C-alpha atoms as a PDB file:
ATOM      1  CA  MET A   1       0.137  -0.112  -0.020  1.00  0.00           C
ATOM      2  CA  ASN A   2       2.630   2.368   0.383  1.00  0.00           C
ATOM      3  CA  GLU A   3       4.302   1.749  -3.025  1.00  0.00           C
ATOM      4  CA  PRO A   4       3.660   4.824  -5.344  1.00  0.00           C
ATOM      5  CA  LEU A   5       1.411   4.135  -8.375  1.00  0.00           C
ATOM      6  CA  PHE A   6       3.699   5.749 -10.604  1.00  0.00           C
ATOM      7  CA  THR A   7       7.386   4.480 -10.341  1.00  0.00           C
ATOM      8  CA  GLY A   8      10.125   6.440 -11.946  1.00  0.00           C
ATOM      9  CA  PHE A   9       8.105   9.223 -12.659  1.00  0.00           C
ATOM     10  CA  ARG A  10       8.949  12.952 -12.149  1.00  0.00           C
ATOM     11  CA  THR A  11       6.256  15.028 -10.569  1.00  0.00           C
ATOM     12  CA  LEU A  12       5.659  18.695 -11.633  1.00  0.00           C
ATOM     13  CA  THR A  13       3.524  21.467 -11.244  1.00  0.00           C
ATOM     14  CA  LEU A  14       3.790  23.721 -14.396  1.00  0.00           C
ATOM     15  CA  ASP A  15       2.152  27.534 -14.078  1.00  0.00           C
ATOM     16  CA  VAL A  16      -0.023  27.832 -17.391  1.00  0.00           C
ATOM     17  CA  ASP A  17      -1.657  31.168 -16.396  1.00  0.00           C
ATOM     18  CA  LYS A  18      -1.440  33.463 -13.819  1.00  0.00           C
ATOM     19  CA  HIS A  19      -2.017  31.310 -10.267  1.00  0.00           C
ATOM     20  CA  ILE A  20      -2.830  28.489 -12.443  1.00  0.00           C
ATOM     21  CA  GLY A  21      -0.813  25.345 -11.829  1.00  0.00           C
ATOM     22  CA  ILE A  22      -1.261  22.013 -13.530  1.00  0.00           C
ATOM     23  CA  ARG A  23       0.125  18.905 -11.721  1.00  0.00           C
ATOM     24  CA  ALA A  24       1.489  16.443 -13.915  1.00  0.00           C
ATOM     25  CA  VAL A  25       3.499  13.203 -13.704  1.00  0.00           C
ATOM     26  CA  VAL A  26       6.270  12.679 -16.646  1.00  0.00           C
ATOM     27  CA  GLY A  27       8.100   9.283 -17.030  1.00  0.00           C
ATOM     28  CA  GLY A  28       9.674   7.247 -19.907  1.00  0.00           C
ATOM     29  CA  ASN A  29      10.882   8.143 -23.453  1.00  0.00           C
ATOM     30  CA  GLY A  30       9.664   8.106 -27.220  1.00  0.00           C
ATOM     31  CA  PRO A  31       7.607  10.159 -28.901  1.00  0.00           C
ATOM     32  CA  PRO A  32       5.069  12.754 -26.426  1.00  0.00           C
ATOM     33  CA  LEU A  33       1.775  11.187 -24.869  1.00  0.00           C
ATOM     34  CA  LEU A  34      -0.504  13.168 -23.010  1.00  0.00           C
ATOM     35  CA  LEU A  35      -2.669  11.574 -20.811  1.00  0.00           C
ATOM     36  CA  LEU A  36      -6.048  13.142 -19.424  1.00  0.00           C
ATOM     37  CA  HIS A  37      -8.164  11.697 -16.618  1.00  0.00           C
ATOM     38  CA  GLY A  38     -12.159  12.308 -15.932  1.00  0.00           C
ATOM     39  CA  HIS A  39     -14.925  12.903 -12.991  1.00  0.00           C
ATOM     40  CA  PRO A  40     -14.199  12.135 -10.160  1.00  0.00           C
ATOM     41  CA  GLN A  41     -10.714  11.031 -10.955  1.00  0.00           C
ATOM     42  CA  THR A  42      -6.868  12.388 -10.883  1.00  0.00           C
ATOM     43  CA  HIS A  43      -3.949  10.856 -13.116  1.00  0.00           C
ATOM     44  CA  ALA A  44      -4.011   8.069 -11.018  1.00  0.00           C
ATOM     45  CA  ILE A  45      -6.275   6.354 -13.221  1.00  0.00           C
ATOM     46  CA  TRP A  46      -3.419   5.637 -15.789  1.00  0.00           C
ATOM     47  CA  HIS A  47      -1.111   3.688 -13.453  1.00  0.00           C
ATOM     48  CA  LYS A  48      -2.145   0.182 -14.742  1.00  0.00           C
ATOM     49  CA  VAL A  49      -1.213   1.269 -18.524  1.00  0.00           C
ATOM     50  CA  ALA A  50       1.499   3.644 -17.695  1.00  0.00           C
ATOM     51  CA  PRO A  51       4.704   1.161 -17.376  1.00  0.00           C
ATOM     52  CA  ALA A  52       3.724  -0.216 -20.937  1.00  0.00           C
ATOM     53  CA  LEU A  53       3.184   3.134 -22.554  1.00  0.00           C
ATOM     54  CA  CYS A  54       6.479   4.341 -20.936  1.00  0.00           C
ATOM     55  CA  GLU A  55       8.380   1.965 -23.107  1.00  0.00           C
ATOM     56  CA  ARG A  56       7.226   3.440 -26.212  1.00  0.00           C
ATOM     57  CA  PHE A  57       6.459   7.097 -25.163  1.00  0.00           C
ATOM     58  CA  THR A  58       7.090   9.720 -23.095  1.00  0.00           C
ATOM     59  CA  VAL A  59       3.997  10.158 -21.161  1.00  0.00           C
ATOM     60  CA  VAL A  60       3.055  13.201 -19.403  1.00  0.00           C
ATOM     61  CA  ALA A  61      -0.169  12.409 -16.773  1.00  0.00           C
ATOM     62  CA  CYS A  62      -1.700  15.806 -15.701  1.00  0.00           C
ATOM     63  CA  ASP A  63      -4.732  16.633 -13.260  1.00  0.00           C
ATOM     64  CA  LEU A  64      -7.162  18.992 -15.012  1.00  0.00           C
ATOM     65  CA  ARG A  65      -7.582  22.080 -13.814  1.00  0.00           C
ATOM     66  CA  GLY A  66     -10.139  21.972 -10.622  1.00  0.00           C
ATOM     67  CA  TYR A  67      -9.047  18.328 -10.115  1.00  0.00           C
ATOM     68  CA  GLY A  68      -6.640  16.422  -8.224  1.00  0.00           C
ATOM     69  CA  ASP A  69      -3.605  18.631  -7.132  1.00  0.00           C
ATOM     70  CA  SER A  70      -4.054  21.452 -10.130  1.00  0.00           C
ATOM     71  CA  SER A  71      -5.286  24.691  -9.203  1.00  0.00           C
ATOM     72  CA  LYS A  72      -8.904  25.231  -8.261  1.00  0.00           C
ATOM     73  CA  PRO A  73      -9.817  28.891  -9.175  1.00  0.00           C
ATOM     74  CA  ALA A  74     -13.395  30.311  -8.690  1.00  0.00           C
ATOM     75  CA  GLY A  75     -15.687  30.094 -11.752  1.00  0.00           C
ATOM     76  CA  THR A  76     -16.602  32.972 -13.387  1.00  0.00           C
ATOM     77  CA  ASP A  77     -20.196  33.676 -13.976  1.00  0.00           C
ATOM     78  CA  ASP A  78     -20.367  32.495 -17.970  1.00  0.00           C
ATOM     79  CA  HIS A  79     -18.361  29.470 -16.762  1.00  0.00           C
ATOM     80  CA  LEU A  80     -15.334  30.496 -19.247  1.00  0.00           C
ATOM     81  CA  ASN A  81     -12.745  29.361 -17.056  1.00  0.00           C
ATOM     82  CA  TYR A  82     -13.826  26.109 -16.939  1.00  0.00           C
ATOM     83  CA  SER A  83     -14.709  25.829 -20.301  1.00  0.00           C
ATOM     84  CA  LYS A  84     -13.095  23.092 -22.496  1.00  0.00           C
ATOM     85  CA  ARG A  85     -11.180  25.727 -24.573  1.00  0.00           C
ATOM     86  CA  VAL A  86      -9.557  27.110 -21.323  1.00  0.00           C
ATOM     87  CA  MET A  87      -8.751  23.572 -19.919  1.00  0.00           C
ATOM     88  CA  ALA A  88      -7.400  22.546 -23.611  1.00  0.00           C
ATOM     89  CA  GLY A  89      -5.170  25.657 -23.338  1.00  0.00           C
ATOM     90  CA  ASP A  90      -3.707  24.832 -19.999  1.00  0.00           C
ATOM     91  CA  MET A  91      -2.393  21.223 -21.602  1.00  0.00           C
ATOM     92  CA  LEU A  92      -1.180  23.017 -24.277  1.00  0.00           C
ATOM     93  CA  GLN A  93       1.009  25.082 -22.305  1.00  0.00           C
ATOM     94  CA  VAL A  94       2.079  22.003 -20.078  1.00  0.00           C
ATOM     95  CA  MET A  95       3.496  20.047 -23.266  1.00  0.00           C
ATOM     96  CA  LYS A  96       4.939  23.299 -24.866  1.00  0.00           C
ATOM     97  CA  GLN A  97       6.689  23.937 -21.291  1.00  0.00           C
ATOM     98  CA  LEU A  98       8.298  20.288 -21.477  1.00  0.00           C
ATOM     99  CA  GLY A  99       9.484  20.955 -25.107  1.00  0.00           C
ATOM    100  CA  PHE A 100       6.746  19.163 -26.982  1.00  0.00           C
ATOM    101  CA  GLU A 101       5.123  20.931 -29.962  1.00  0.00           C
ATOM    102  CA  ARG A 102       3.430  18.529 -31.351  1.00  0.00           C
ATOM    103  CA  PHE A 103       2.086  15.155 -29.484  1.00  0.00           C
ATOM    104  CA  SER A 104      -0.235  12.712 -29.274  1.00  0.00           C
ATOM    105  CA  VAL A 105      -3.169  12.467 -26.275  1.00  0.00           C
ATOM    106  CA  MET A 106      -5.050   9.642 -24.983  1.00  0.00           C
ATOM    107  CA  ALA A 107      -8.082  11.098 -22.249  1.00  0.00           C
ATOM    108  CA  HIS A 108     -10.805   9.612 -20.909  1.00  0.00           C
ATOM    109  CA  ASP A 109     -14.431  11.078 -19.899  1.00  0.00           C
ATOM    110  CA  ARG A 110     -13.887  14.344 -18.958  1.00  0.00           C
ATOM    111  CA  GLY A 111     -10.401  14.521 -20.060  1.00  0.00           C
ATOM    112  CA  ALA A 112     -11.712  13.188 -23.564  1.00  0.00           C
ATOM    113  CA  ARG A 113     -13.781  16.159 -23.885  1.00  0.00           C
ATOM    114  CA  VAL A 114     -10.717  18.328 -23.326  1.00  0.00           C
ATOM    115  CA  ALA A 115      -8.716  16.209 -25.909  1.00  0.00           C
ATOM    116  CA  HIS A 116     -11.639  17.007 -28.189  1.00  0.00           C
ATOM    117  CA  ARG A 117     -11.046  20.972 -27.872  1.00  0.00           C
ATOM    118  CA  LEU A 118      -7.688  20.665 -27.755  1.00  0.00           C
ATOM    119  CA  ALA A 119      -7.545  18.792 -31.115  1.00  0.00           C
ATOM    120  CA  ALA A 120     -10.448  21.293 -32.644  1.00  0.00           C
ATOM    121  CA  ASP A 121      -8.399  24.376 -31.430  1.00  0.00           C
ATOM    122  CA  HIS A 122      -5.017  23.255 -31.989  1.00  0.00           C
ATOM    123  CA  PRO A 123      -4.815  20.560 -34.462  1.00  0.00           C
ATOM    124  CA  GLU A 124      -1.163  21.671 -35.691  1.00  0.00           C
ATOM    125  CA  ALA A 125       0.030  20.340 -31.945  1.00  0.00           C
ATOM    126  CA  VAL A 126      -2.610  16.854 -31.738  1.00  0.00           C
ATOM    127  CA  GLU A 127      -0.944  14.199 -34.035  1.00  0.00           C
ATOM    128  CA  ARG A 128      -3.426  11.183 -32.994  1.00  0.00           C
ATOM    129  CA  ALA A 129      -5.904  11.216 -30.374  1.00  0.00           C
ATOM    130  CA  VAL A 130      -7.522   8.343 -28.534  1.00  0.00           C
ATOM    131  CA  LEU A 131     -10.870   8.876 -26.717  1.00  0.00           C
ATOM    132  CA  LEU A 132     -12.256   6.918 -24.074  1.00  0.00           C
ATOM    133  CA  ASP A 133     -16.039   6.445 -23.024  1.00  0.00           C
ATOM    134  CA  ILE A 134     -18.022   9.701 -24.387  1.00  0.00           C
ATOM    135  CA  ALA A 135     -19.806  10.669 -27.048  1.00  0.00           C
ATOM    136  CA  PRO A 136     -19.421  14.273 -28.146  1.00  0.00           C
ATOM    137  CA  THR A 137     -20.789  16.649 -25.577  1.00  0.00           C
ATOM    138  CA  LEU A 138     -23.360  18.314 -28.005  1.00  0.00           C
ATOM    139  CA  ALA A 139     -24.502  14.756 -29.112  1.00  0.00           C
ATOM    140  CA  MET A 140     -25.187  13.603 -25.535  1.00  0.00           C
ATOM    141  CA  TYR A 141     -27.178  16.841 -24.567  1.00  0.00           C
ATOM    142  CA  GLU A 142     -29.162  17.082 -27.786  1.00  0.00           C
ATOM    143  CA  GLN A 143     -30.132  13.272 -27.281  1.00  0.00           C
ATOM    144  CA  THR A 144     -30.496  13.150 -23.641  1.00  0.00           C
ATOM    145  CA  SER A 145     -33.106  10.570 -23.029  1.00  0.00           C
ATOM    146  CA  ASP A 146     -34.627   9.005 -20.084  1.00  0.00           C
ATOM    147  CA  ALA A 147     -32.308   6.335 -20.009  1.00  0.00           C
ATOM    148  CA  PHE A 148     -29.643   8.485 -20.177  1.00  0.00           C
ATOM    149  CA  ALA A 149     -30.661  10.850 -17.338  1.00  0.00           C
ATOM    150  CA  ARG A 150     -31.100   8.287 -14.993  1.00  0.00           C
ATOM    151  CA  ALA A 151     -27.671   7.111 -15.504  1.00  0.00           C
ATOM    152  CA  TYR A 152     -25.784   9.935 -15.632  1.00  0.00           C
ATOM    153  CA  TRP A 153     -27.654  11.708 -12.894  1.00  0.00           C
ATOM    154  CA  HIS A 154     -24.610  13.565 -11.639  1.00  0.00           C
ATOM    155  CA  TRP A 155     -24.326  15.629 -15.402  1.00  0.00           C
ATOM    156  CA  PHE A 156     -27.842  17.538 -13.831  1.00  0.00           C
ATOM    157  CA  PHE A 157     -27.140  17.371 -10.384  1.00  0.00           C
ATOM    158  CA  LEU A 158     -23.354  19.009 -10.685  1.00  0.00           C
ATOM    159  CA  ILE A 159     -24.651  22.018 -13.239  1.00  0.00           C
ATOM    160  CA  GLN A 160     -26.915  23.021 -10.420  1.00  0.00           C
ATOM    161  CA  PRO A 161     -26.327  26.798  -9.072  1.00  0.00           C
ATOM    162  CA  ALA A 162     -23.893  27.234  -6.757  1.00  0.00           C
ATOM    163  CA  PRO A 163     -23.724  25.971  -3.894  1.00  0.00           C
ATOM    164  CA  LEU A 164     -25.911  23.462  -3.656  1.00  0.00           C
ATOM    165  CA  PRO A 165     -24.052  20.558  -5.342  1.00  0.00           C
ATOM    166  CA  GLU A 166     -20.923  21.973  -3.966  1.00  0.00           C
ATOM    167  CA  ARG A 167     -22.306  21.654  -0.365  1.00  0.00           C
ATOM    168  CA  LEU A 168     -23.802  18.146  -0.576  1.00  0.00           C
ATOM    169  CA  ILE A 169     -19.944  16.974  -2.446  1.00  0.00           C
ATOM    170  CA  GLU A 170     -18.396  18.502   0.800  1.00  0.00           C
ATOM    171  CA  ALA A 171     -20.540  16.820   3.390  1.00  0.00           C
ATOM    172  CA  ASP A 172     -18.745  13.316   2.381  1.00  0.00           C
ATOM    173  CA  PRO A 173     -16.309  13.638  -0.398  1.00  0.00           C
ATOM    174  CA  ALA A 174     -15.448   9.994   0.064  1.00  0.00           C
ATOM    175  CA  ALA A 175     -19.067   8.709  -0.276  1.00  0.00           C
ATOM    176  CA  TYR A 176     -19.067  11.080  -3.553  1.00  0.00           C
ATOM    177  CA  VAL A 177     -16.765   8.784  -4.900  1.00  0.00           C
ATOM    178  CA  HIS A 178     -17.685   5.529  -3.740  1.00  0.00           C
ATOM    179  CA  ASP A 179     -21.354   6.003  -4.688  1.00  0.00           C
ATOM    180  CA  VAL A 180     -20.405   7.678  -8.438  1.00  0.00           C
ATOM    181  CA  MET A 181     -18.014   5.271  -9.209  1.00  0.00           C
ATOM    182  CA  GLY A 182     -19.191   1.907  -7.410  1.00  0.00           C
ATOM    183  CA  ARG A 183     -22.961   2.362  -8.780  1.00  0.00           C
ATOM    184  CA  ARG A 184     -21.196   1.932 -12.421  1.00  0.00           C
ATOM    185  CA  SER A 185     -21.301  -1.800 -14.215  1.00  0.00           C
ATOM    186  CA  ALA A 186     -18.218  -3.269 -12.063  1.00  0.00           C
ATOM    187  CA  GLY A 187     -18.652  -1.610  -8.757  1.00  0.00           C
ATOM    188  CA  LEU A 188     -15.512  -0.865  -6.982  1.00  0.00           C
ATOM    189  CA  ALA A 189     -13.613  -4.274  -7.832  1.00  0.00           C
ATOM    190  CA  PRO A 190     -11.259  -2.972 -10.451  1.00  0.00           C
ATOM    191  CA  PHE A 191      -9.817   0.108  -8.470  1.00  0.00           C
ATOM    192  CA  ASP A 192      -6.661  -0.524  -6.904  1.00  0.00           C
ATOM    193  CA  PRO A 193      -6.828   1.153  -3.108  1.00  0.00           C
ATOM    194  CA  ARG A 194      -4.102   3.260  -3.461  1.00  0.00           C
ATOM    195  CA  ALA A 195      -5.968   4.975  -6.136  1.00  0.00           C
ATOM    196  CA  LEU A 196      -9.404   5.003  -4.667  1.00  0.00           C
ATOM    197  CA  ASP A 197      -7.710   6.950  -1.620  1.00  0.00           C
ATOM    198  CA  GLU A 198      -6.232   9.443  -4.008  1.00  0.00           C
ATOM    199  CA  TYR A 199      -9.385  10.066  -5.515  1.00  0.00           C
ATOM    200  CA  LYS A 200     -10.992  10.642  -2.167  1.00  0.00           C
ATOM    201  CA  ARG A 201      -8.223  12.697  -0.782  1.00  0.00           C
ATOM    202  CA  CYS A 202      -8.175  14.959  -3.891  1.00  0.00           C
ATOM    203  CA  LEU A 203     -11.983  15.584  -3.712  1.00  0.00           C
ATOM    204  CA  ALA A 204     -11.785  16.250  -0.012  1.00  0.00           C
ATOM    205  CA  LEU A 205      -9.112  19.294  -0.807  1.00  0.00           C
ATOM    206  CA  PRO A 206     -10.525  23.008  -0.647  1.00  0.00           C
ATOM    207  CA  GLY A 207     -11.880  24.181  -4.116  1.00  0.00           C
ATOM    208  CA  THR A 208     -12.150  20.826  -6.045  1.00  0.00           C
ATOM    209  CA  ALA A 209     -15.864  20.214  -5.204  1.00  0.00           C
ATOM    210  CA  HIS A 210     -16.474  23.743  -6.900  1.00  0.00           C
ATOM    211  CA  GLY A 211     -13.811  22.869  -9.554  1.00  0.00           C
ATOM    212  CA  ILE A 212     -15.865  19.581 -10.904  1.00  0.00           C
ATOM    213  CA  CYS A 213     -19.422  21.418 -10.788  1.00  0.00           C
ATOM    214  CA  GLU A 214     -17.775  24.301 -12.784  1.00  0.00           C
ATOM    215  CA  ASP A 215     -16.178  22.120 -15.240  1.00  0.00           C
ATOM    216  CA  TYR A 216     -19.998  20.677 -16.055  1.00  0.00           C
ATOM    217  CA  ARG A 217     -21.449  23.740 -15.670  1.00  0.00           C
ATOM    218  CA  ALA A 218     -19.224  24.580 -18.346  1.00  0.00           C
ATOM    219  CA  ALA A 219     -19.910  21.917 -20.624  1.00  0.00           C
ATOM    220  CA  ALA A 220     -23.690  22.565 -20.202  1.00  0.00           C
ATOM    221  CA  SER A 221     -23.300  26.198 -21.202  1.00  0.00           C
ATOM    222  CA  ILE A 222     -20.139  27.758 -22.935  1.00  0.00           C
ATOM    223  CA  ASP A 223     -18.697  24.356 -24.516  1.00  0.00           C
ATOM    224  CA  LEU A 224     -22.083  23.901 -25.986  1.00  0.00           C
ATOM    225  CA  GLU A 225     -21.698  27.170 -27.577  1.00  0.00           C
ATOM    226  CA  HIS A 226     -17.959  26.508 -28.967  1.00  0.00           C
ATOM    227  CA  ASP A 227     -19.322  22.777 -30.330  1.00  0.00           C
ATOM    228  CA  ARG A 228     -22.179  24.450 -32.258  1.00  0.00           C
ATOM    229  CA  ALA A 229     -20.177  26.946 -33.581  1.00  0.00           C
ATOM    230  CA  ASP A 230     -18.066  24.370 -34.899  1.00  0.00           C
ATOM    231  CA  ARG A 231     -20.748  22.461 -36.232  1.00  0.00           C
ATOM    232  CA  ASP A 232     -21.914  25.291 -37.967  1.00  0.00           C
ATOM    233  CA  ALA A 233     -18.963  26.402 -39.364  1.00  0.00           C
ATOM    234  CA  GLY A 234     -18.579  23.249 -41.089  1.00  0.00           C
ATOM    235  CA  HIS A 235     -15.157  22.154 -38.796  1.00  0.00           C
ATOM    236  CA  ARG A 236     -14.106  18.728 -39.170  1.00  0.00           C
ATOM    237  CA  LEU A 237     -10.850  16.722 -37.012  1.00  0.00           C
ATOM    238  CA  LYS A 238      -8.404  15.760 -39.525  1.00  0.00           C
ATOM    239  CA  MET A 239      -5.934  13.857 -37.400  1.00  0.00           C
ATOM    240  CA  PRO A 240      -6.660  10.045 -36.928  1.00  0.00           C
ATOM    241  CA  LEU A 241      -8.934   9.444 -34.138  1.00  0.00           C
ATOM    242  CA  MET A 242      -9.790   6.530 -32.216  1.00  0.00           C
ATOM    243  CA  VAL A 243     -12.595   5.844 -30.067  1.00  0.00           C
ATOM    244  CA  LEU A 244     -13.156   3.319 -27.583  1.00  0.00           C
ATOM    245  CA  TRP A 245     -16.195   2.620 -25.026  1.00  0.00           C
ATOM    246  CA  GLY A 246     -17.186  -0.139 -22.589  1.00  0.00           C
ATOM    247  CA  GLU A 247     -19.792  -2.727 -23.818  1.00  0.00           C
ATOM    248  CA  HIS A 248     -21.409  -2.324 -20.467  1.00  0.00           C
ATOM    249  CA  GLY A 249     -21.619   0.988 -20.210  1.00  0.00           C
ATOM    250  CA  VAL A 250     -24.204   3.679 -20.787  1.00  0.00           C
ATOM    251  CA  VAL A 251     -22.383   5.296 -23.700  1.00  0.00           C
ATOM    252  CA  HIS A 252     -22.920   2.008 -25.261  1.00  0.00           C
ATOM    253  CA  ARG A 253     -26.532   1.832 -24.429  1.00  0.00           C
ATOM    254  CA  CYS A 254     -27.665   4.971 -25.106  1.00  0.00           C
ATOM    255  CA  PHE A 255     -25.493   6.199 -28.288  1.00  0.00           C
ATOM    256  CA  GLU A 256     -23.643   5.187 -31.518  1.00  0.00           C
ATOM    257  CA  PRO A 257     -20.297   6.225 -30.678  1.00  0.00           C
ATOM    258  CA  LEU A 258     -18.511   5.783 -33.921  1.00  0.00           C
ATOM    259  CA  GLU A 259     -21.692   7.348 -36.228  1.00  0.00           C
ATOM    260  CA  GLU A 260     -21.058  10.227 -33.519  1.00  0.00           C
ATOM    261  CA  TRP A 261     -17.544  10.851 -34.057  1.00  0.00           C
ATOM    262  CA  ARG A 262     -17.881  10.660 -37.728  1.00  0.00           C
ATOM    263  CA  ARG A 263     -20.021  13.698 -38.199  1.00  0.00           C
ATOM    264  CA  LEU A 264     -17.124  15.514 -36.478  1.00  0.00           C
ATOM    265  CA  ALA A 265     -13.765  13.627 -37.778  1.00  0.00           C
ATOM    266  CA  ASN A 266     -12.378  12.500 -41.187  1.00  0.00           C
ATOM    267  CA  HIS A 267     -10.451   9.435 -39.644  1.00  0.00           C
ATOM    268  CA  VAL A 268     -12.485   7.286 -36.921  1.00  0.00           C
ATOM    269  CA  SER A 269     -11.860   3.779 -35.689  1.00  0.00           C
ATOM    270  CA  GLY A 270     -12.926   2.153 -32.820  1.00  0.00           C
ATOM    271  CA  GLU A 271     -15.008  -0.509 -30.856  1.00  0.00           C
ATOM    272  CA  ALA A 272     -16.512  -1.482 -27.899  1.00  0.00           C
ATOM    273  CA  LEU A 273     -14.282  -3.016 -25.280  1.00  0.00           C
ATOM    274  CA  PRO A 274     -15.293  -5.560 -22.594  1.00  0.00           C
ATOM    275  CA  CYS A 275     -15.786  -3.686 -19.401  1.00  0.00           C
ATOM    276  CA  GLY A 276     -17.546  -0.426 -18.067  1.00  0.00           C
ATOM    277  CA  HIS A 277     -16.779   3.345 -18.079  1.00  0.00           C
ATOM    278  CA  TYR A 278     -13.191   3.160 -16.519  1.00  0.00           C
ATOM    279  CA  ILE A 279     -11.682   1.622 -19.366  1.00  0.00           C
ATOM    280  CA  PRO A 280      -7.799   1.989 -17.873  1.00  0.00           C
ATOM    281  CA  GLU A 281      -8.729   0.339 -14.874  1.00  0.00           C
ATOM    282  CA  GLU A 282     -11.295  -2.246 -15.644  1.00  0.00           C
ATOM    283  CA  ALA A 283      -9.483  -3.041 -18.901  1.00  0.00           C
ATOM    284  CA  PRO A 284      -5.884  -2.121 -19.060  1.00  0.00           C
ATOM    285  CA  ALA A 285      -4.603  -4.997 -21.379  1.00  0.00           C
ATOM    286  CA  ALA A 286      -7.839  -4.455 -23.805  1.00  0.00           C
ATOM    287  CA  LEU A 287      -7.156  -0.898 -23.807  1.00  0.00           C
ATOM    288  CA  LEU A 288      -3.179  -1.411 -24.452  1.00  0.00           C
ATOM    289  CA  ALA A 289      -3.915  -4.093 -27.282  1.00  0.00           C
ATOM    290  CA  LYS A 290      -5.819  -1.307 -29.520  1.00  0.00           C
ATOM    291  CA  ALA A 291      -4.329   2.009 -28.603  1.00  0.00           C
ATOM    292  CA  LEU A 292      -0.668   1.112 -28.501  1.00  0.00           C
ATOM    293  CA  PRO A 293      -0.667  -0.099 -32.243  1.00  0.00           C
ATOM    294  CA  PHE A 294      -2.364   2.951 -33.108  1.00  0.00           C
ATOM    295  CA  LEU A 295      -0.306   5.736 -30.919  1.00  0.00           C
ATOM    296  CA  SER A 296       2.635   3.986 -32.808  1.00  0.00           C
ATOM    297  CA  GLY A 297       1.372   4.518 -36.148  1.00  0.00           C
ATOM    298  CA  GLU A 298       1.548   0.987 -37.025  1.00  0.00           C
END
């Protein structure tokens, strides 16, 4: 239990903007690969696949703004400072400060929404992208069904005006982690106790509950404006895109991920994997079997 989740990695905090620091762990050798996590997690989600990835890539696993040990600024009235555009800008600055002008990205859940915006806004920087267990944000909101709303209840809870959801999360952060993650298809069994402890520690940090809520508030407002502007302008992703999702998850039940991503990108491949939502922790071997050849350009 005392062993670190990321052996041989450097831990850094990089200042990407005034008063904004992004926590990252960096390890391995080879072409740069950015890893981004989802809700309610941190970069710890990658600990099972990081050793194999480090054999081929220089891995940079970050905590998103508002999550983990990264900065958690107060949200603005329009939620712009938690827009995926701004959060993508954080990651672009991280990679530039590490000396990487062009890189690939693999991202899960909320991080995959940041990766989508990173690829859309900065196509010159993103070589390839792997997006895990999401359909596009705009498609998910525009196609919300009873089944989706019941399964992804937290989407509609977290966007409620402050401070209601923050206050309820802060009352028992550990219970929130257990309930949100444990009620998915696989329960809590796939999670290393060290990773779970890290998720609970970070959610209890001052400002995390607010940062998480602001991420979702932005997704339900300013992010939709940016996505609609791209759609209306006919903008498409031109880099190779791989989309993987869990066959036991909500995205598989409620959406057609390949069809939705092919509306937005020119070169899309992917499939369902034999797991639920938390692919890097539930099915690390299956993920590596698909992602490593793709990321290596094989």
